[in-house]
């Protein structure tokens, strides 16, 4: 015959609550985009700084690679600043809305 197992004694696995709020889901995605953008800018800046240090110490083999690393850092910083500017514009526009 079939045995019925009591769910209390079966050792059920804990379930994580499902996020049904669309605002929270979008908010977490947006925060991941911001975090990723900042991390990429930090990595590019570190690579540019390392390339400059290598050039000063004579370890850099090619000036072109140093310049490319520095320009990548510059472009990523400019992108991050523009990202911040657009976020501030959106915030200011939301604050001007009448409720």
PDB file of N, CA and C in Angstrom:
ATOM      1  N   UNK A   1       0.826  -1.168   0.000  1.00  0.00           N
ATOM      2  CA  UNK A   1       0.000   0.000   0.000  1.00  0.00           C
ATOM      3  C   UNK A   1       0.877   1.240   0.000  1.00  0.00           C
ATOM      4  N   UNK A   2       0.260   2.328  -0.371  1.00  0.00           N
ATOM      5  CA  UNK A   2       0.982   3.603  -0.411  1.00  0.00           C
ATOM      6  C   UNK A   2       1.107   4.162   0.996  1.00  0.00           C
ATOM      7  N   UNK A   3       2.296   4.604   1.282  1.00  0.00           N
ATOM      8  CA  UNK A   3       2.506   5.221   2.572  1.00  0.00           C
ATOM      9  C   UNK A   3       2.417   6.739   2.410  1.00  0.00           C
ATOM     10  N   UNK A   4       1.747   7.365   3.311  1.00  0.00           N
ATOM     11  CA  UNK A   4       1.616   8.818   3.298  1.00  0.00           C
ATOM     12  C   UNK A   4       2.645   9.371   4.271  1.00  0.00           C
ATOM     13  N   UNK A   5       3.465  10.279   3.762  1.00  0.00           N
ATOM     14  CA  UNK A   5       4.507  10.873   4.592  1.00  0.00           C
ATOM     15  C   UNK A   5       4.001  12.206   5.095  1.00  0.00           C
ATOM     16  N   UNK A   6       4.104  12.400   6.377  1.00  0.00           N
ATOM     17  CA  UNK A   6       3.701  13.656   6.994  1.00  0.00           C
ATOM     18  C   UNK A   6       4.716  14.724   6.586  1.00  0.00           C
ATOM     19  N   UNK A   7       4.234  15.856   6.074  1.00  0.00           N
ATOM     20  CA  UNK A   7       5.137  16.904   5.593  1.00  0.00           C
ATOM     21  C   UNK A   7       5.954  17.522   6.722  1.00  0.00           C
ATOM     22  N   UNK A   8       5.460  17.447   7.933  1.00  0.00           N
ATOM     23  CA  UNK A   8       6.214  18.003   9.058  1.00  0.00           C
ATOM     24  C   UNK A   8       7.424  17.140   9.375  1.00  0.00           C
ATOM     25  N   UNK A   9       7.336  15.841   9.117  1.00  0.00           N
ATOM     26  CA  UNK A   9       8.448  14.956   9.424  1.00  0.00           C
ATOM     27  C   UNK A   9       9.326  14.690   8.212  1.00  0.00           C
ATOM     28  N   UNK A  10       8.921  15.143   7.040  1.00  0.00           N
ATOM     29  CA  UNK A  10       9.672  14.860   5.826  1.00  0.00           C
ATOM     30  C   UNK A  10      10.877  15.770   5.662  1.00  0.00           C
ATOM     31  N   UNK A  11      11.016  16.818   6.452  1.00  0.00           N
ATOM     32  CA  UNK A  11      12.148  17.725   6.331  1.00  0.00           C
ATOM     33  C   UNK A  11      12.052  18.575   5.077  1.00  0.00           C
ATOM     34  N   UNK A  12      11.028  19.365   4.978  1.00  0.00           N
ATOM     35  CA  UNK A  12      10.822  20.183   3.793  1.00  0.00           C
ATOM     36  C   UNK A  12      11.896  21.257   3.676  1.00  0.00           C
ATOM     37  N   UNK A  13      12.166  21.647   2.474  1.00  0.00           N
ATOM     38  CA  UNK A  13      13.151  22.688   2.214  1.00  0.00           C
ATOM     39  C   UNK A  13      12.503  24.049   2.369  1.00  0.00           C
ATOM     40  N   UNK A  14      13.216  24.992   2.949  1.00  0.00           N
ATOM     41  CA  UNK A  14      12.654  26.344   3.071  1.00  0.00           C
ATOM     42  C   UNK A  14      12.609  27.009   1.694  1.00  0.00           C
ATOM     43  N   UNK A  15      11.518  27.646   1.412  1.00  0.00           N
ATOM     44  CA  UNK A  15      11.353  28.332   0.138  1.00  0.00           C
ATOM     45  C   UNK A  15      11.570  29.816   0.330  1.00  0.00           C
ATOM     46  N   UNK A  16      12.266  30.412  -0.624  1.00  0.00           N
ATOM     47  CA  UNK A  16      12.450  31.848  -0.580  1.00  0.00           C
ATOM     48  C   UNK A  16      11.188  32.518  -1.113  1.00  0.00           C
ATOM     49  N   UNK A  17      10.792  33.628  -0.519  1.00  0.00           N
ATOM     50  CA  UNK A  17       9.587  34.301  -1.012  1.00  0.00           C
ATOM     51  C   UNK A  17       9.825  34.833  -2.425  1.00  0.00           C
ATOM     52  N   UNK A  18       8.810  34.675  -3.242  1.00  0.00           N
ATOM     53  CA  UNK A  18       8.881  35.147  -4.616  1.00  0.00           C
ATOM     54  C   UNK A  18       8.566  36.628  -4.624  1.00  0.00           C
ATOM     55  N   UNK A  19       9.422  37.407  -5.279  1.00  0.00           N
ATOM     56  CA  UNK A  19       9.231  38.856  -5.363  1.00  0.00           C
ATOM     57  C   UNK A  19       8.196  39.133  -6.448  1.00  0.00           C
ATOM     58  N   UNK A  20       7.031  39.594  -6.047  1.00  0.00           N
ATOM     59  CA  UNK A  20       5.963  39.873  -6.992  1.00  0.00           C
ATOM     60  C   UNK A  20       5.799  41.354  -7.259  1.00  0.00           C
ATOM     61  N   UNK A  21       6.505  42.174  -6.511  1.00  0.00           N
ATOM     62  CA  UNK A  21       6.404  43.609  -6.686  1.00  0.00           C
ATOM     63  C   UNK A  21       7.259  44.027  -7.880  1.00  0.00           C
ATOM     64  N   UNK A  22       6.654  44.518  -8.984  1.00  0.00           N
ATOM     65  CA  UNK A  22       7.455  44.875 -10.169  1.00  0.00           C
ATOM     66  C   UNK A  22       8.401  46.036  -9.921  1.00  0.00           C
ATOM     67  N   UNK A  23       8.050  46.937  -9.016  1.00  0.00           N
ATOM     68  CA  UNK A  23       8.928  48.066  -8.723  1.00  0.00           C
ATOM     69  C   UNK A  23      10.211  47.569  -8.059  1.00  0.00           C
ATOM     70  N   UNK A  24      10.102  46.639  -7.144  1.00  0.00           N
ATOM     71  CA  UNK A  24      11.286  46.103  -6.473  1.00  0.00           C
ATOM     72  C   UNK A  24      12.153  45.329  -7.454  1.00  0.00           C
ATOM     73  N   UNK A  25      11.524  44.604  -8.386  1.00  0.00           N
ATOM     74  CA  UNK A  25      12.276  43.848  -9.370  1.00  0.00           C
ATOM     75  C   UNK A  25      13.058  44.778 -10.283  1.00  0.00           C
ATOM     76  N   UNK A  26      12.421  45.835 -10.761  1.00  0.00           N
ATOM     77  CA  UNK A  26      13.094  46.804 -11.624  1.00  0.00           C
ATOM     78  C   UNK A  26      14.162  47.545 -10.839  1.00  0.00           C
ATOM     79  N   UNK A  27      13.874  47.879  -9.599  1.00  0.00           N
ATOM     80  CA  UNK A  27      14.839  48.583  -8.767  1.00  0.00           C
ATOM     81  C   UNK A  27      16.106  47.780  -8.556  1.00  0.00           C
ATOM     82  N   UNK A  28      15.963  46.487  -8.358  1.00  0.00           N
ATOM     83  CA  UNK A  28      17.160  45.664  -8.173  1.00  0.00           C
ATOM     84  C   UNK A  28      17.945  45.560  -9.466  1.00  0.00           C
ATOM     85  N   UNK A  29      17.266  45.509 -10.606  1.00  0.00           N
ATOM     86  CA  UNK A  29      17.957  45.488 -11.897  1.00  0.00           C
ATOM     87  C   UNK A  29      18.683  46.793 -12.153  1.00  0.00           C
ATOM     88  N   UNK A  30      18.059  47.904 -11.801  1.00  0.00           N
ATOM     89  CA  UNK A  30      18.669  49.214 -11.997  1.00  0.00           C
ATOM     90  C   UNK A  30      19.893  49.372 -11.106  1.00  0.00           C
ATOM     91  N   UNK A  31      19.787  48.894  -9.876  1.00  0.00           N
ATOM     92  CA  UNK A  31      20.938  48.999  -8.970  1.00  0.00           C
ATOM     93  C   UNK A  31      22.095  48.142  -9.466  1.00  0.00           C
ATOM     94  N   UNK A  32      21.792  47.001 -10.084  1.00  0.00           N
ATOM     95  CA  UNK A  32      22.857  46.170 -10.641  1.00  0.00           C
ATOM     96  C   UNK A  32      23.542  46.858 -11.813  1.00  0.00           C
ATOM     97  N   UNK A  33      22.781  47.578 -12.623  1.00  0.00           N
ATOM     98  CA  UNK A  33      23.368  48.319 -13.737  1.00  0.00           C
ATOM     99  C   UNK A  33      24.284  49.413 -13.216  1.00  0.00           C
ATOM    100  N   UNK A  34      23.843  50.130 -12.209  1.00  0.00           N
ATOM    101  CA  UNK A  34      24.659  51.195 -11.619  1.00  0.00           C
ATOM    102  C   UNK A  34      25.930  50.603 -11.016  1.00  0.00           C
ATOM    103  N   UNK A  35      25.788  49.529 -10.267  1.00  0.00           N
ATOM    104  CA  UNK A  35      26.938  48.894  -9.640  1.00  0.00           C
ATOM    105  C   UNK A  35      27.933  48.398 -10.687  1.00  0.00           C
ATOM    106  N   UNK A  36      27.426  47.805 -11.752  1.00  0.00           N
ATOM    107  CA  UNK A  36      28.294  47.316 -12.818  1.00  0.00           C
ATOM    108  C   UNK A  36      29.031  48.452 -13.506  1.00  0.00           C
ATOM    109  N   UNK A  37      28.338  49.555 -13.764  1.00  0.00           N
ATOM    110  CA  UNK A  37      28.960  50.704 -14.409  1.00  0.00           C
ATOM    111  C   UNK A  37      30.066  51.291 -13.545  1.00  0.00           C
ATOM    112  N   UNK A  38      29.809  51.417 -12.260  1.00  0.00           N
ATOM    113  CA  UNK A  38      30.825  51.956 -11.349  1.00  0.00           C
ATOM    114  C   UNK A  38      32.022  51.019 -11.268  1.00  0.00           C
ATOM    115  N   UNK A  39      31.769  49.718 -11.180  1.00  0.00           N
ATOM    116  CA  UNK A  39      32.874  48.753 -11.112  1.00  0.00           C
ATOM    117  C   UNK A  39      33.722  48.770 -12.377  1.00  0.00           C
ATOM    118  N   UNK A  40      33.082  48.903 -13.530  1.00  0.00           N
ATOM    119  CA  UNK A  40      33.832  48.976 -14.783  1.00  0.00           C
ATOM    120  C   UNK A  40      34.689  50.230 -14.834  1.00  0.00           C
ATOM    121  N   UNK A  41      34.172  51.340 -14.360  1.00  0.00           N
ATOM    122  CA  UNK A  41      34.949  52.583 -14.344  1.00  0.00           C
ATOM    123  C   UNK A  41      36.137  52.462 -13.399  1.00  0.00           C
ATOM    124  N   UNK A  42      35.941  51.831 -12.254  1.00  0.00           N
ATOM    125  CA  UNK A  42      37.031  51.644 -11.296  1.00  0.00           C
ATOM    126  C   UNK A  42      38.118  50.745 -11.886  1.00  0.00           C
ATOM    127  N   UNK A  43      37.702  49.659 -12.540  1.00  0.00           N
ATOM    128  CA  UNK A  43      38.675  48.749 -13.143  1.00  0.00           C
ATOM    129  C   UNK A  43      39.453  49.438 -14.265  1.00  0.00           C
ATOM    130  N   UNK A  44      38.761  50.221 -15.087  1.00  0.00           N
ATOM    131  CA  UNK A  44      39.433  50.928 -16.182  1.00  0.00           C
ATOM    132  C   UNK A  44      40.423  51.948 -15.632  1.00  0.00           C
ATOM    133  N   UNK A  45      40.059  52.640 -14.565  1.00  0.00           N
ATOM    134  CA  UNK A  45      40.968  53.608 -13.955  1.00  0.00           C
ATOM    135  C   UNK A  45      42.194  52.912 -13.375  1.00  0.00           C
ATOM    136  N   UNK A  46      41.987  51.778 -12.724  1.00  0.00           N
ATOM    137  CA  UNK A  46      43.113  51.029 -12.162  1.00  0.00           C
ATOM    138  C   UNK A  46      44.037  50.530 -13.267  1.00  0.00           C
ATOM    139  N   UNK A  47      43.457  50.065 -14.377  1.00  0.00           N
ATOM    140  CA  UNK A  47      44.275  49.600 -15.504  1.00  0.00           C
ATOM    141  C   UNK A  47      45.058  50.757 -16.119  1.00  0.00           C
ATOM    142  N   UNK A  48      44.443  51.928 -16.222  1.00  0.00           N
ATOM    143  CA  UNK A  48      45.140  53.102 -16.742  1.00  0.00           C
ATOM    144  C   UNK A  48      46.271  53.535 -15.834  1.00  0.00           C
ATOM    145  N   UNK A  49      46.025  53.533 -14.534  1.00  0.00           N
ATOM    146  CA  UNK A  49      47.068  53.887 -13.572  1.00  0.00           C
ATOM    147  C   UNK A  49      48.235  52.896 -13.631  1.00  0.00           C
ATOM    148  N   UNK A  50      47.903  51.612 -13.746  1.00  0.00           N
ATOM    149  CA  UNK A  50      48.953  50.588 -13.834  1.00  0.00           C
ATOM    150  C   UNK A  50      49.759  50.753 -15.112  1.00  0.00           C
ATOM    151  N   UNK A  51      49.089  51.084 -16.207  1.00  0.00           N
ATOM    152  CA  UNK A  51      49.791  51.289 -17.477  1.00  0.00           C
ATOM    153  C   UNK A  51      50.739  52.485 -17.385  1.00  0.00           C
ATOM    154  N   UNK A  52      50.309  53.556 -16.731  1.00  0.00           N
ATOM    155  CA  UNK A  52      51.180  54.724 -16.553  1.00  0.00           C
ATOM    156  C   UNK A  52      52.373  54.373 -15.669  1.00  0.00           C
ATOM    157  N   UNK A  53      52.127  53.628 -14.602  1.00  0.00           N
ATOM    158  CA  UNK A  53      53.223  53.209 -13.726  1.00  0.00           C
ATOM    159  C   UNK A  53      54.219  52.319 -14.468  1.00  0.00           C
ATOM    160  N   UNK A  54      53.698  51.435 -15.311  1.00  0.00           N
ATOM    161  CA  UNK A  54      54.579  50.581 -16.113  1.00  0.00           C
ATOM    162  C   UNK A  54      55.404  51.406 -17.092  1.00  0.00           C
ATOM    163  N   UNK A  55      54.806  52.435 -17.659  1.00  0.00           N
ATOM    164  CA  UNK A  55      55.526  53.304 -18.587  1.00  0.00           C
ATOM    165  C   UNK A  55      56.634  54.057 -17.858  1.00  0.00           C
ATOM    166  N   UNK A  56      56.333  54.551 -16.662  1.00  0.00           N
ATOM    167  CA  UNK A  56      57.339  55.289 -15.893  1.00  0.00           C
ATOM    168  C   UNK A  56      58.490  54.405 -15.439  1.00  0.00           C
ATOM    169  N   UNK A  57      58.180  53.157 -15.139  1.00  0.00           N
ATOM    170  CA  UNK A  57      59.232  52.247 -14.664  1.00  0.00           C
ATOM    171  C   UNK A  57      59.977  51.576 -15.816  1.00  0.00           C
ATOM    172  N   UNK A  58      59.515  51.764 -17.027  1.00  0.00           N
ATOM    173  CA  UNK A  58      60.179  51.167 -18.182  1.00  0.00           C
ATOM    174  C   UNK A  58      59.703  49.769 -18.502  1.00  0.00           C
ATOM    175  N   UNK A  59      58.678  49.287 -17.832  1.00  0.00           N
ATOM    176  CA  UNK A  59      58.160  47.937 -18.065  1.00  0.00           C
ATOM    177  C   UNK A  59      57.181  47.879 -19.232  1.00  0.00           C
ATOM    178  N   UNK A  60      56.645  49.015 -19.641  1.00  0.00           N
ATOM    179  CA  UNK A  60      55.683  49.033 -20.745  1.00  0.00           C
ATOM    180  C   UNK A  60      56.419  48.776 -22.054  1.00  0.00           C
ATOM    181  N   UNK A  61      55.896  47.865 -22.846  1.00  0.00           N
ATOM    182  CA  UNK A  61      56.533  47.504 -24.102  1.00  0.00           C
ATOM    183  C   UNK A  61      56.108  48.430 -25.237  1.00  0.00           C
ATOM    184  N   UNK A  62      54.914  48.991 -25.103  1.00  0.00           N
ATOM    185  CA  UNK A  62      54.372  49.746 -26.217  1.00  0.00           C
ATOM    186  C   UNK A  62      53.620  50.957 -25.678  1.00  0.00           C
ATOM    187  N   UNK A  63      53.943  52.121 -26.190  1.00  0.00           N
ATOM    188  CA  UNK A  63      53.276  53.348 -25.782  1.00  0.00           C
ATOM    189  C   UNK A  63      51.806  53.341 -26.185  1.00  0.00           C
ATOM    190  N   UNK A  64      51.505  52.663 -27.292  1.00  0.00           N
ATOM    191  CA  UNK A  64      50.123  52.610 -27.771  1.00  0.00           C
ATOM    192  C   UNK A  64      49.203  51.927 -26.759  1.00  0.00           C
ATOM    193  N   UNK A  65      49.688  50.847 -26.155  1.00  0.00           N
ATOM    194  CA  UNK A  65      48.878  50.148 -25.150  1.00  0.00           C
ATOM    195  C   UNK A  65      48.609  51.029 -23.936  1.00  0.00           C
ATOM    196  N   UNK A  66      49.602  51.814 -23.551  1.00  0.00           N
ATOM    197  CA  UNK A  66      49.431  52.726 -22.424  1.00  0.00           C
ATOM    198  C   UNK A  66      48.379  53.770 -22.755  1.00  0.00           C
ATOM    199  N   UNK A  67      48.470  54.348 -23.943  1.00  0.00           N
ATOM    200  CA  UNK A  67      47.514  55.375 -24.342  1.00  0.00           C
ATOM    201  C   UNK A  67      46.102  54.803 -24.460  1.00  0.00           C
ATOM    202  N   UNK A  68      45.982  53.599 -24.947  1.00  0.00           N
ATOM    203  CA  UNK A  68      44.659  52.970 -25.065  1.00  0.00           C
ATOM    204  C   UNK A  68      44.060  52.750 -23.678  1.00  0.00           C
ATOM    205  N   UNK A  69      44.862  52.285 -22.723  1.00  0.00           N
ATOM    206  CA  UNK A  69      44.375  52.066 -21.361  1.00  0.00           C
ATOM    207  C   UNK A  69      43.938  53.370 -20.714  1.00  0.00           C
ATOM    208  N   UNK A  70      44.715  54.425 -20.931  1.00  0.00           N
ATOM    209  CA  UNK A  70      44.375  55.723 -20.343  1.00  0.00           C
ATOM    210  C   UNK A  70      43.099  56.272 -20.974  1.00  0.00           C
ATOM    211  N   UNK A  71      42.949  56.114 -22.275  1.00  0.00           N
ATOM    212  CA  UNK A  71      41.737  56.606 -22.950  1.00  0.00           C
ATOM    213  C   UNK A  71      40.509  55.810 -22.531  1.00  0.00           C
ATOM    214  N   UNK A  72      40.657  54.508 -22.323  1.00  0.00           N
ATOM    215  CA  UNK A  72      39.532  53.707 -21.824  1.00  0.00           C
ATOM    216  C   UNK A  72      39.085  54.212 -20.456  1.00  0.00           C
ATOM    217  N   UNK A  73      40.048  54.530 -19.603  1.00  0.00           N
ATOM    218  CA  UNK A  73      39.715  55.057 -18.272  1.00  0.00           C
ATOM    219  C   UNK A  73      39.020  56.406 -18.398  1.00  0.00           C
ATOM    220  N   UNK A  74      39.504  57.252 -19.296  1.00  0.00           N
ATOM    221  CA  UNK A  74      38.896  58.570 -19.495  1.00  0.00           C
ATOM    222  C   UNK A  74      37.469  58.455 -20.019  1.00  0.00           C
ATOM    223  N   UNK A  75      37.262  57.591 -20.986  1.00  0.00           N
ATOM    224  CA  UNK A  75      35.920  57.414 -21.562  1.00  0.00           C
ATOM    225  C   UNK A  75      34.960  56.828 -20.531  1.00  0.00           C
ATOM    226  N   UNK A  76      35.428  55.859 -19.738  1.00  0.00           N
ATOM    227  CA  UNK A  76      34.536  55.271 -18.733  1.00  0.00           C
ATOM    228  C   UNK A  76      34.177  56.290 -17.665  1.00  0.00           C
ATOM    229  N   UNK A  77      35.114  57.168 -17.305  1.00  0.00           N
ATOM    230  CA  UNK A  77      34.805  58.212 -16.331  1.00  0.00           C
ATOM    231  C   UNK A  77      33.802  59.209 -16.909  1.00  0.00           C
ATOM    232  N   UNK A  78      33.980  59.588 -18.167  1.00  0.00           N
ATOM    233  CA  UNK A  78      33.028  60.503 -18.811  1.00  0.00           C
ATOM    234  C   UNK A  78      31.638  59.877 -18.893  1.00  0.00           C
ATOM    235  N   UNK A  79      31.587  58.565 -19.187  1.00  0.00           N
ATOM    236  CA  UNK A  79      30.300  57.883 -19.251  1.00  0.00           C
ATOM    237  C   UNK A  79      29.633  57.871 -17.879  1.00  0.00           C
ATOM    238  N   UNK A  80      30.419  57.635 -16.834  1.00  0.00           N
ATOM    239  CA  UNK A  80      29.879  57.613 -15.479  1.00  0.00           C
ATOM    240  C   UNK A  80      29.343  58.982 -15.081  1.00  0.00           C
ATOM    241  N   UNK A  81      30.040  60.043 -15.467  1.00  0.00           N
ATOM    242  CA  UNK A  81      29.574  61.399 -15.168  1.00  0.00           C
ATOM    243  C   UNK A  81      28.273  61.684 -15.908  1.00  0.00           C
ATOM    244  N   UNK A  82      28.184  61.292 -17.171  1.00  0.00           N
ATOM    245  CA  UNK A  82      26.956  61.502 -17.926  1.00  0.00           C
ATOM    246  C   UNK A  82      25.802  60.679 -17.364  1.00  0.00           C
ATOM    247  N   UNK A  83      26.109  59.482 -16.904  1.00  0.00           N
ATOM    248  CA  UNK A  83      25.098  58.641 -16.259  1.00  0.00           C
ATOM    249  C   UNK A  83      24.539  59.353 -15.033  1.00  0.00           C
ATOM    250  N   UNK A  84      25.432  59.925 -14.225  1.00  0.00           N
ATOM    251  CA  UNK A  84      25.012  60.670 -13.046  1.00  0.00           C
ATOM    252  C   UNK A  84      24.184  61.886 -13.434  1.00  0.00           C
ATOM    253  N   UNK A  85      24.615  62.609 -14.478  1.00  0.00           N
ATOM    254  CA  UNK A  85      23.879  63.796 -14.920  1.00  0.00           C
ATOM    255  C   UNK A  85      22.461  63.444 -15.363  1.00  0.00           C
ATOM    256  N   UNK A  86      22.315  62.362 -16.099  1.00  0.00           N
ATOM    257  CA  UNK A  86      20.980  61.944 -16.555  1.00  0.00           C
ATOM    258  C   UNK A  86      20.115  61.512 -15.375  1.00  0.00           C
ATOM    259  N   UNK A  87      20.713  60.843 -14.412  1.00  0.00           N
ATOM    260  CA  UNK A  87      19.949  60.441 -13.224  1.00  0.00           C
ATOM    261  C   UNK A  87      19.494  61.673 -12.442  1.00  0.00           C
ATOM    262  N   UNK A  88      20.341  62.672 -12.339  1.00  0.00           N
ATOM    263  CA  UNK A  88      19.966  63.902 -11.643  1.00  0.00           C
ATOM    264  C   UNK A  88      18.863  64.651 -12.398  1.00  0.00           C
ATOM    265  N   UNK A  89      18.942  64.672 -13.728  1.00  0.00           N
ATOM    266  CA  UNK A  89      17.889  65.311 -14.515  1.00  0.00           C
ATOM    267  C   UNK A  89      16.556  64.604 -14.318  1.00  0.00           C
ATOM    268  N   UNK A  90      16.583  63.282 -14.305  1.00  0.00           N
ATOM    269  CA  UNK A  90      15.348  62.525 -14.093  1.00  0.00           C
ATOM    270  C   UNK A  90      14.784  62.790 -12.707  1.00  0.00           C
ATOM    271  N   UNK A  91      15.645  62.846 -11.698  1.00  0.00           N
ATOM    272  CA  UNK A  91      15.205  63.125 -10.336  1.00  0.00           C
ATOM    273  C   UNK A  91      14.583  64.514 -10.248  1.00  0.00           C
ATOM    274  N   UNK A  92      15.233  65.509 -10.850  1.00  0.00           N
ATOM    275  CA  UNK A  92      14.709  66.864 -10.823  1.00  0.00           C
ATOM    276  C   UNK A  92      13.361  66.959 -11.536  1.00  0.00           C
ATOM    277  N   UNK A  93      13.225  66.224 -12.644  1.00  0.00           N
ATOM    278  CA  UNK A  93      11.950  66.233 -13.364  1.00  0.00           C
ATOM    279  C   UNK A  93      10.852  65.581 -12.533  1.00  0.00           C
ATOM    280  N   UNK A  94      11.175  64.523 -11.829  1.00  0.00           N
ATOM    281  CA  UNK A  94      10.177  63.876 -10.969  1.00  0.00           C
ATOM    282  C   UNK A  94       9.779  64.817  -9.822  1.00  0.00           C
ATOM    283  N   UNK A  95      10.745  65.526  -9.279  1.00  0.00           N
ATOM    284  CA  UNK A  95      10.456  66.455  -8.178  1.00  0.00           C
ATOM    285  C   UNK A  95       9.585  67.627  -8.630  1.00  0.00           C
ATOM    286  N   UNK A  96       9.632  67.983  -9.908  1.00  0.00           N
ATOM    287  CA  UNK A  96       8.818  69.076 -10.418  1.00  0.00           C
ATOM    288  C   UNK A  96       7.369  68.660 -10.701  1.00  0.00           C
ATOM    289  N   UNK A  97       7.130  67.354 -10.718  1.00  0.00           N
ATOM    290  CA  UNK A  97       5.777  66.871 -10.990  1.00  0.00           C
ATOM    291  C   UNK A  97       4.841  67.271  -9.867  1.00  0.00           C
ATOM    292  N   UNK A  98       3.634  67.666 -10.264  1.00  0.00           N
ATOM    293  CA  UNK A  98       2.623  67.998  -9.277  1.00  0.00           C
ATOM    294  C   UNK A  98       1.778  66.777  -8.982  1.00  0.00           C
ATOM    295  N   UNK A  99       1.477  66.618  -7.725  1.00  0.00           N
ATOM    296  CA  UNK A  99       0.694  65.447  -7.319  1.00  0.00           C
ATOM    297  C   UNK A  99      -0.731  65.874  -7.070  1.00  0.00           C
TER     298      UNK A  99
END
